[in-house]
Amino acid sequence: MRIVHVITRLIIGGAQENTLATVHGLRQRPGIDVWLVSGPTYGPEGSLEADAATLQDHFIVAPDLIRPVHPLRDFLALRSLRRIFRQIAPQIVHTHSGKAGFLGRLAAHQAGVPCIVHTIHGPSFGKFQGALANVLFRFAERLAGRVTTHFISVSNAMTRDYLAAGIGRPEQYTRILSGFNLEPFLAARNNPELRKQLGIEPDDFVVGKIARLFKHKGHDELLEAAPAVLRKFPRTKFLLVGDGPWRRRLEHKAAEKGLARNFIFAGLVPPGRIPELVGIMDVLVHLSRREGLPRALPQAMAAGKPVVAWDCDGAAEVCLNETTGLLLPVGADVAPAILRLAADADLRERLGRAGCALARAQFGVEEMVAKIHDLYMQLQTRNVISNKPQAD
């Protein structure tokens, strides 16, 4: 079976890591020939193209597949993708992310690909953006949905939102959680030397956050909550992992509030370094207004860390309130939850232990790849996929 995965860009992020893990995992399966097509990767969020380059001639960069809406380049990208699909003649095209999901599915349909699968990593529409944008993106998703054979959702919340928007039918959806390599997180430890390198003292309480420094990620709200936390626990450090276009603004805001010594901007780090940074955290907070199912939550849970999250999209499916973490309404003040965890080591231990058990049971990368492979096989069994390659 020949499969082409398509994604808009390979920045360091959950959807991108998920896609690469899926491609690499499927390559180990007998009878599976996997290709990856991506647009060019640029910007402060970093790049995973070096990982994709190990696919050699099975990795293609489509130069006109860019994230912003651009009518001319979008037309050229559609034409390029259609040509690629006709040349490779896959039985499945599996798309990821907004732009690649829209153009990739239309191009696959035009090229006569017999099965088109789309993974919903996060919402394309919702309260986080304006009315006009929501109308346009809902229309685009409905249009692409008409030629989609099956949807994979990283959370039940995504399935509910898309069905409510009139996209697809319930039987077209399968939830497959975004798995990752558990072992480095299970082995994560509180490394005194790493703390020292980052200016964190042995008895500091570390509140971690892993997210792009950009809108909808809740960094401003964490900065607003920090003074209340510091009044009761002055030895608190806020460790922000990630980079993005808002970094300078956030650094300036922290300095303006007199919090520069308490906020540590670790910057962009490769995915392989995330476990050691999670290891020095005492709690992880995730305050997002737009996220399919935040990867940072199960990663922290695998390391035995309690989590605090806003109840946005799929967060409630892993941050089980009072069981694996503390779940708050979107926009709620996070300070009381942080203070509660800072004051109660037993609570941190209990939540961390339950979170680790959940992550072990549900988020292994091998399980994710196996479920995607099984879905492909089921679609083939239903005679959705032809066993014969298409003609060029």
Foldseek 3Di string as FASTA:
>chain_A
DEEEEEEAFFFPFLQNVLVLLLQVLQVVDPPYHYAYEYEYDDFQRHGPVVSVCVNPPRYYYDDLSHDDDDVVSLVVSLVVLLVVCQVRQGLEYEYEDQSCLQSVLVSCVVNPRLAYEYEDFWDQADPVDDPVSRVVSLVSQQVSLVSHQAYEAQAVLVVVVNVVSVRDDPVRYDYAHRFDALVLLLPAAQDCVVCVVQVQHPPAAEEEEEDELDPQWCLVLVLVLVVVLCVVRVRYAYEYEGYHPCVVVSCVVCVVVVNNSRYGDPYYDPPVCVSHVLNNHQEYETQGQMGQEHPVQLSNLLNLFAYEYEPHHRPCVQNPDLQQYHYHHRPDRCNVRVNVSVVDVPSGNRNSVRSSVVSVVRHHSSSSSVVVVVVVVVCVVVVSGDPDRDND
